[in-house]
Protein backbone atom coordinates (compact mmCIF):
# COMPACT_ATOMS: atom_id res chain seq x y z
CA MET A 1 -96.00 51.04 -24.30
CA LYS A 2 -96.09 50.14 -28.00
CA ARG A 3 -93.21 51.17 -30.18
CA MET A 4 -94.18 52.68 -33.46
CA ARG A 5 -92.08 51.80 -36.44
CA LYS A 6 -91.32 53.88 -39.49
CA ILE A 7 -91.86 51.97 -42.70
CA HIS A 8 -90.48 53.44 -45.93
CA LYS A 9 -92.24 52.79 -49.23
CA LYS A 10 -92.02 54.16 -52.76
CA ILE A 11 -95.03 55.97 -54.21
CA TRP A 12 -95.58 57.27 -57.74
CA PRO A 13 -96.05 61.03 -58.25
CA LYS A 14 -99.79 61.07 -59.04
CA TYR A 15 -100.58 59.08 -55.88
CA PHE A 16 -98.15 61.15 -53.82
CA GLU A 17 -99.88 64.35 -54.94
CA ALA A 18 -103.29 62.95 -54.05
CA ILE A 19 -102.08 62.18 -50.52
CA VAL A 20 -100.36 65.56 -50.09
CA SER A 21 -103.53 67.35 -51.21
CA GLY A 22 -105.61 65.37 -48.71
CA LYS A 23 -107.80 63.82 -51.40
CA LYS A 24 -106.40 60.29 -50.97
CA LYS A 25 -106.75 58.97 -47.41
CA TYR A 26 -105.84 55.34 -47.92
CA GLU A 27 -102.99 53.24 -49.25
CA LEU A 28 -103.37 49.93 -51.08
CA ARG A 29 -100.29 47.74 -50.81
CA LEU A 30 -99.18 44.18 -51.39
CA ASN A 31 -99.18 42.37 -48.03
CA ASP A 32 -95.44 41.70 -48.13
CA PHE A 33 -94.30 43.60 -45.03
CA GLU A 34 -95.19 43.91 -41.35
CA VAL A 35 -97.30 46.90 -40.36
CA LYS A 36 -99.47 47.61 -37.35
CA GLU A 37 -101.83 50.36 -36.27
CA GLY A 38 -99.76 53.20 -34.83
CA ASP A 39 -96.81 52.66 -37.19
CA VAL A 40 -95.77 55.52 -39.47
CA LEU A 41 -95.73 55.02 -43.22
CA VAL A 42 -93.07 57.16 -44.88
CA LEU A 43 -94.08 57.56 -48.50
CA GLU A 44 -91.16 58.59 -50.71
CA GLU A 45 -92.04 59.91 -54.14
CA TRP A 46 -90.53 57.76 -56.90
CA ASP A 47 -90.40 58.82 -60.54
CA PRO A 48 -90.89 55.60 -62.56
CA LYS A 49 -89.72 57.24 -65.80
CA ALA A 50 -86.46 58.56 -64.36
CA LYS A 51 -86.18 55.52 -62.06
CA LYS A 52 -85.18 57.62 -59.07
CA TYR A 53 -86.57 59.28 -55.97
CA THR A 54 -87.65 62.91 -56.32
CA GLY A 55 -86.61 63.81 -52.77
CA ARG A 56 -90.17 64.49 -51.62
CA LYS A 57 -91.68 62.42 -48.85
CA ILE A 58 -94.60 62.47 -46.47
CA GLU A 59 -95.24 60.66 -43.19
CA LYS A 60 -98.67 59.28 -42.32
CA LYS A 61 -99.77 57.44 -39.20
CA VAL A 62 -101.39 54.05 -39.85
CA THR A 63 -104.82 54.04 -38.19
CA TYR A 64 -106.25 50.81 -39.63
CA VAL A 65 -104.80 47.70 -41.28
CA GLY A 66 -107.10 45.41 -43.26
CA ARG A 67 -105.65 42.20 -44.66
CA PHE A 68 -107.28 39.76 -47.05
CA LYS A 69 -106.44 37.05 -49.54
CA ILE A 70 -108.30 36.37 -52.75
CA GLY A 71 -109.68 33.08 -51.40
CA GLN A 72 -111.10 34.93 -48.40
CA LEU A 73 -113.04 37.56 -50.34
CA PHE A 74 -116.80 37.76 -50.70
CA TRP A 75 -116.61 37.27 -54.46
CA PRO A 76 -115.47 34.30 -56.56
CA LYS A 77 -111.77 34.35 -57.46
CA GLU A 78 -112.61 34.32 -61.18
CA GLU A 79 -114.70 37.49 -60.83
CA VAL A 80 -111.94 39.25 -58.89
CA LEU A 81 -109.36 38.30 -61.52
CA LYS A 82 -111.68 39.38 -64.36
CA LYS A 83 -112.96 42.66 -62.89
CA GLY A 84 -110.35 43.66 -60.31
CA LEU A 85 -111.09 45.38 -57.01
CA LEU A 86 -112.02 48.89 -55.93
CA ILE A 87 -110.91 50.63 -52.77
CA LEU A 88 -113.03 53.55 -51.63
CA SER A 89 -112.09 56.46 -49.43
CA LEU A 90 -114.94 57.59 -47.20
CA GLU A 91 -115.64 60.70 -45.14
């Protein structure tokens, strides 16, 4: 049986609200930590102006993990650096 892990991460208020409301059903993160499908992401609201946690948090189960590096994308690195990337939430 797999053991799920709880992974705690900061999240800014406007993104936290979008997740709480159900509008945002994804999370874009730097690939600097271990995470697997079935783990639980604990998102803790962080106020960047006050530089402190607000005390609000939400737990979400990770259902899919996609990893990529700029050199492995479909587009040239220069285009990615110039235009950036989009992430889309689909229903």
